[in-house]
Amino acid sequence: MIDYGIGVFFAALTIPEVVLPPLVVAAVVGVAGAAAGGLWRRRRAAVGVTP
């Protein structure tokens, strides 16, 4: 049963409709987080707070 589950899991990884949406979401979240972090650091530097 475990072998079947592992086989289904790896088979699902070859289907673009299953794999691509989570990768797109992860990329969007990563870019948004990087942008927000940059703005946060810039705002703290403008106020004069040092890390």
PDB file of N, CA and C in Angstrom:
ATOM      1  N   MET A   1       0.828  -1.196   0.000  1.00  0.00           N
ATOM      2  CA  MET A   1       0.000   0.000   0.000  1.00  0.00           C
ATOM      3  C   MET A   1       0.868   1.253   0.000  1.00  0.00           C
ATOM      4  N   ILE A   2       1.951   1.233   0.773  1.00  0.00           N
ATOM      5  CA  ILE A   2       2.847   2.384   0.803  1.00  0.00           C
ATOM      6  C   ILE A   2       3.513   2.569  -0.554  1.00  0.00           C
ATOM      7  N   ASP A   3       3.885   1.462  -1.192  1.00  0.00           N
ATOM      8  CA  ASP A   3       4.504   1.538  -2.524  1.00  0.00           C
ATOM      9  C   ASP A   3       3.548   2.181  -3.523  1.00  0.00           C
ATOM     10  N   TYR A   4       2.275   1.832  -3.428  1.00  0.00           N
ATOM     11  CA  TYR A   4       1.272   2.417  -4.315  1.00  0.00           C
ATOM     12  C   TYR A   4       1.160   3.918  -4.077  1.00  0.00           C
ATOM     13  N   GLY A   5       1.122   4.332  -2.818  1.00  0.00           N
ATOM     14  CA  GLY A   5       1.026   5.754  -2.491  1.00  0.00           C
ATOM     15  C   GLY A   5       2.228   6.533  -2.990  1.00  0.00           C
ATOM     16  N   ILE A   6       3.413   5.966  -2.830  1.00  0.00           N
ATOM     17  CA  ILE A   6       4.630   6.632  -3.315  1.00  0.00           C
ATOM     18  C   ILE A   6       4.599   6.725  -4.840  1.00  0.00           C
ATOM     19  N   GLY A   7       4.150   5.676  -5.479  1.00  0.00           N
ATOM     20  CA  GLY A   7       4.044   5.694  -6.942  1.00  0.00           C
ATOM     21  C   GLY A   7       3.073   6.746  -7.431  1.00  0.00           C
ATOM     22  N   VAL A   8       1.933   6.870  -6.775  1.00  0.00           N
ATOM     23  CA  VAL A   8       0.941   7.886  -7.149  1.00  0.00           C
ATOM     24  C   VAL A   8       1.507   9.280  -6.906  1.00  0.00           C
ATOM     25  N   PHE A   9       2.213   9.470  -5.809  1.00  0.00           N
ATOM     26  CA  PHE A   9       2.806  10.770  -5.499  1.00  0.00           C
ATOM     27  C   PHE A   9       3.778  11.187  -6.594  1.00  0.00           C
ATOM     28  N   PHE A  10       4.702  10.301  -6.964  1.00  0.00           N
ATOM     29  CA  PHE A  10       5.679  10.650  -7.993  1.00  0.00           C
ATOM     30  C   PHE A  10       5.034  10.781  -9.364  1.00  0.00           C
ATOM     31  N   ALA A  11       3.985  10.023  -9.625  1.00  0.00           N
ATOM     32  CA  ALA A  11       3.263  10.178 -10.887  1.00  0.00           C
ATOM     33  C   ALA A  11       2.588  11.542 -10.951  1.00  0.00           C
ATOM     34  N   ALA A  12       2.067  12.003  -9.822  1.00  0.00           N
ATOM     35  CA  ALA A  12       1.412  13.312  -9.784  1.00  0.00           C
ATOM     36  C   ALA A  12       2.412  14.436 -10.023  1.00  0.00           C
ATOM     37  N   LEU A  13       3.660  14.224  -9.639  1.00  0.00           N
ATOM     38  CA  LEU A  13       4.677  15.263  -9.852  1.00  0.00           C
ATOM     39  C   LEU A  13       4.994  15.467 -11.328  1.00  0.00           C
ATOM     40  N   THR A  14       4.626  14.523 -12.171  1.00  0.00           N
ATOM     41  CA  THR A  14       4.880  14.664 -13.604  1.00  0.00           C
ATOM     42  C   THR A  14       3.733  15.354 -14.328  1.00  0.00           C
ATOM     43  N   ILE A  15       2.653  15.680 -13.629  1.00  0.00           N
ATOM     44  CA  ILE A  15       1.495  16.331 -14.246  1.00  0.00           C
ATOM     45  C   ILE A  15       1.628  17.841 -14.029  1.00  0.00           C
ATOM     46  N   PRO A  16       1.803  18.611 -15.088  1.00  0.00           N
ATOM     47  CA  PRO A  16       2.011  20.062 -14.936  1.00  0.00           C
ATOM     48  C   PRO A  16       0.861  20.773 -14.227  1.00  0.00           C
ATOM     49  N   GLU A  17      -0.368  20.308 -14.426  1.00  0.00           N
ATOM     50  CA  GLU A  17      -1.517  20.957 -13.780  1.00  0.00           C
ATOM     51  C   GLU A  17      -1.473  20.824 -12.266  1.00  0.00           C
ATOM     52  N   VAL A  18      -0.761  19.823 -11.781  1.00  0.00           N
ATOM     53  CA  VAL A  18      -0.655  19.600 -10.342  1.00  0.00           C
ATOM     54  C   VAL A  18       0.561  20.329  -9.768  1.00  0.00           C
ATOM     55  N   VAL A  19       1.640  20.387 -10.528  1.00  0.00           N
ATOM     56  CA  VAL A  19       2.903  20.906 -10.022  1.00  0.00           C
ATOM     57  C   VAL A  19       3.004  22.425 -10.170  1.00  0.00           C
ATOM     58  N   LEU A  20       2.563  22.967 -11.286  1.00  0.00           N
ATOM     59  CA  LEU A  20       2.798  24.384 -11.569  1.00  0.00           C
ATOM     60  C   LEU A  20       2.045  25.364 -10.658  1.00  0.00           C
ATOM     61  N   PRO A  21       0.779  25.167 -10.335  1.00  0.00           N
ATOM     62  CA  PRO A  21       0.106  26.156  -9.484  1.00  0.00           C
ATOM     63  C   PRO A  21       0.791  26.404  -8.135  1.00  0.00           C
ATOM     64  N   PRO A  22       1.225  25.374  -7.395  1.00  0.00           N
ATOM     65  CA  PRO A  22       1.923  25.665  -6.135  1.00  0.00           C
ATOM     66  C   PRO A  22       3.242  26.407  -6.354  1.00  0.00           C
ATOM     67  N   LEU A  23       3.939  26.109  -7.452  1.00  0.00           N
ATOM     68  CA  LEU A  23       5.180  26.826  -7.743  1.00  0.00           C
ATOM     69  C   LEU A  23       4.913  28.287  -8.053  1.00  0.00           C
ATOM     70  N   VAL A  24       3.835  28.561  -8.779  1.00  0.00           N
ATOM     71  CA  VAL A  24       3.476  29.948  -9.089  1.00  0.00           C
ATOM     72  C   VAL A  24       3.119  30.688  -7.809  1.00  0.00           C
ATOM     73  N   VAL A  25       2.339  30.062  -6.946  1.00  0.00           N
ATOM     74  CA  VAL A  25       1.968  30.691  -5.673  1.00  0.00           C
ATOM     75  C   VAL A  25       3.213  30.950  -4.831  1.00  0.00           C
ATOM     76  N   ALA A  26       4.119  30.002  -4.778  1.00  0.00           N
ATOM     77  CA  ALA A  26       5.350  30.188  -3.998  1.00  0.00           C
ATOM     78  C   ALA A  26       6.184  31.329  -4.561  1.00  0.00           C
ATOM     79  N   ALA A  27       6.260  31.442  -5.872  1.00  0.00           N
ATOM     80  CA  ALA A  27       7.025  32.530  -6.486  1.00  0.00           C
ATOM     81  C   ALA A  27       6.396  33.879  -6.185  1.00  0.00           C
ATOM     82  N   VAL A  28       5.078  33.970  -6.271  1.00  0.00           N
ATOM     83  CA  VAL A  28       4.385  35.232  -5.986  1.00  0.00           C
ATOM     84  C   VAL A  28       4.572  35.625  -4.529  1.00  0.00           C
ATOM     85  N   VAL A  29       4.441  34.679  -3.635  1.00  0.00           N
ATOM     86  CA  VAL A  29       4.626  34.968  -2.207  1.00  0.00           C
ATOM     87  C   VAL A  29       6.070  35.392  -1.929  1.00  0.00           C
ATOM     88  N   GLY A  30       7.023  34.735  -2.561  1.00  0.00           N
ATOM     89  CA  GLY A  30       8.425  35.095  -2.373  1.00  0.00           C
ATOM     90  C   GLY A  30       8.729  36.491  -2.859  1.00  0.00           C
ATOM     91  N   VAL A  31       8.231  36.850  -4.030  1.00  0.00           N
ATOM     92  CA  VAL A  31       8.462  38.195  -4.579  1.00  0.00           C
ATOM     93  C   VAL A  31       7.781  39.239  -3.703  1.00  0.00           C
ATOM     94  N   ALA A  32       6.563  38.974  -3.282  1.00  0.00           N
ATOM     95  CA  ALA A  32       5.849  39.935  -2.427  1.00  0.00           C
ATOM     96  C   ALA A  32       6.559  40.090  -1.085  1.00  0.00           C
ATOM     97  N   GLY A  33       7.047  39.007  -0.526  1.00  0.00           N
ATOM     98  CA  GLY A  33       7.772  39.081   0.746  1.00  0.00           C
ATOM     99  C   GLY A  33       9.071  39.844   0.615  1.00  0.00           C
ATOM    100  N   ALA A  34       9.791  39.633  -0.477  1.00  0.00           N
ATOM    101  CA  ALA A  34      11.039  40.362  -0.694  1.00  0.00           C
ATOM    102  C   ALA A  34      10.771  41.853  -0.862  1.00  0.00           C
ATOM    103  N   ALA A  35       9.728  42.193  -1.598  1.00  0.00           N
ATOM    104  CA  ALA A  35       9.390  43.603  -1.798  1.00  0.00           C
ATOM    105  C   ALA A  35       8.966  44.248  -0.474  1.00  0.00           C
ATOM    106  N   ALA A  36       8.140  43.548   0.287  1.00  0.00           N
ATOM    107  CA  ALA A  36       7.691  44.086   1.570  1.00  0.00           C
ATOM    108  C   ALA A  36       8.865  44.235   2.533  1.00  0.00           C
ATOM    109  N   GLY A  37       9.772  43.265   2.539  1.00  0.00           N
ATOM    110  CA  GLY A  37      10.951  43.351   3.402  1.00  0.00           C
ATOM    111  C   GLY A  37      11.834  44.520   3.025  1.00  0.00           C
ATOM    112  N   GLY A  38      11.999  44.753   1.727  1.00  0.00           N
ATOM    113  CA  GLY A  38      12.797  45.897   1.276  1.00  0.00           C
ATOM    114  C   GLY A  38      12.171  47.218   1.681  1.00  0.00           C
ATOM    115  N   LEU A  39      10.865  47.311   1.524  1.00  0.00           N
ATOM    116  CA  LEU A  39      10.181  48.545   1.942  1.00  0.00           C
ATOM    117  C   LEU A  39      10.278  48.742   3.449  1.00  0.00           C
ATOM    118  N   TRP A  40      10.150  47.659   4.208  1.00  0.00           N
ATOM    119  CA  TRP A  40      10.234  47.739   5.663  1.00  0.00           C
ATOM    120  C   TRP A  40      11.617  48.223   6.104  1.00  0.00           C
ATOM    121  N   ARG A  41      12.671  47.646   5.504  1.00  0.00           N
ATOM    122  CA  ARG A  41      14.028  48.075   5.843  1.00  0.00           C
ATOM    123  C   ARG A  41      14.264  49.528   5.454  1.00  0.00           C
ATOM    124  N   ARG A  42      13.762  49.920   4.287  1.00  0.00           N
ATOM    125  CA  ARG A  42      13.957  51.305   3.845  1.00  0.00           C
ATOM    126  C   ARG A  42      13.227  52.277   4.764  1.00  0.00           C
ATOM    127  N   ARG A  43      12.027  51.896   5.211  1.00  0.00           N
ATOM    128  CA  ARG A  43      11.262  52.758   6.103  1.00  0.00           C
ATOM    129  C   ARG A  43      11.946  52.877   7.467  1.00  0.00           C
ATOM    130  N   ARG A  44      12.483  51.752   7.978  1.00  0.00           N
ATOM    131  CA  ARG A  44      13.184  51.785   9.263  1.00  0.00           C
ATOM    132  C   ARG A  44      14.455  52.612   9.160  1.00  0.00           C
ATOM    133  N   ALA A  45      15.143  52.532   8.015  1.00  0.00           N
ATOM    134  CA  ALA A  45      16.370  53.316   7.833  1.00  0.00           C
ATOM    135  C   ALA A  45      16.031  54.805   7.762  1.00  0.00           C
ATOM    136  N   ALA A  46      14.899  55.162   7.167  1.00  0.00           N
ATOM    137  CA  ALA A  46      14.503  56.562   7.061  1.00  0.00           C
ATOM    138  C   ALA A  46      14.182  57.139   8.431  1.00  0.00           C
ATOM    139  N   VAL A  47      13.649  56.315   9.305  1.00  0.00           N
ATOM    140  CA  VAL A  47      13.306  56.767  10.657  1.00  0.00           C
ATOM    141  C   VAL A  47      14.550  56.854  11.529  1.00  0.00           C
ATOM    142  N   GLY A  48      15.559  56.072  11.171  1.00  0.00           N
ATOM    143  CA  GLY A  48      16.803  56.099  11.936  1.00  0.00           C
ATOM    144  C   GLY A  48      16.985  54.932  12.868  1.00  0.00           C
ATOM    145  N   VAL A  49      16.167  53.905  12.695  1.00  0.00           N
ATOM    146  CA  VAL A  49      16.290  52.714  13.524  1.00  0.00           C
ATOM    147  C   VAL A  49      17.292  51.784  12.844  1.00  0.00           C
ATOM    148  N   THR A  50      18.321  51.397  13.550  1.00  0.00           N
ATOM    149  CA  THR A  50      19.318  50.494  12.980  1.00  0.00           C
ATOM    150  C   THR A  50      19.058  49.072  13.455  1.00  0.00           C
ATOM    151  N   PRO A  51      19.298  48.100  12.587  1.00  0.00           N
ATOM    152  CA  PRO A  51      19.034  46.707  12.986  1.00  0.00           C
ATOM    153  C   PRO A  51      20.037  46.185  13.989  1.00  0.00           C
TER     154      PRO A  51
END
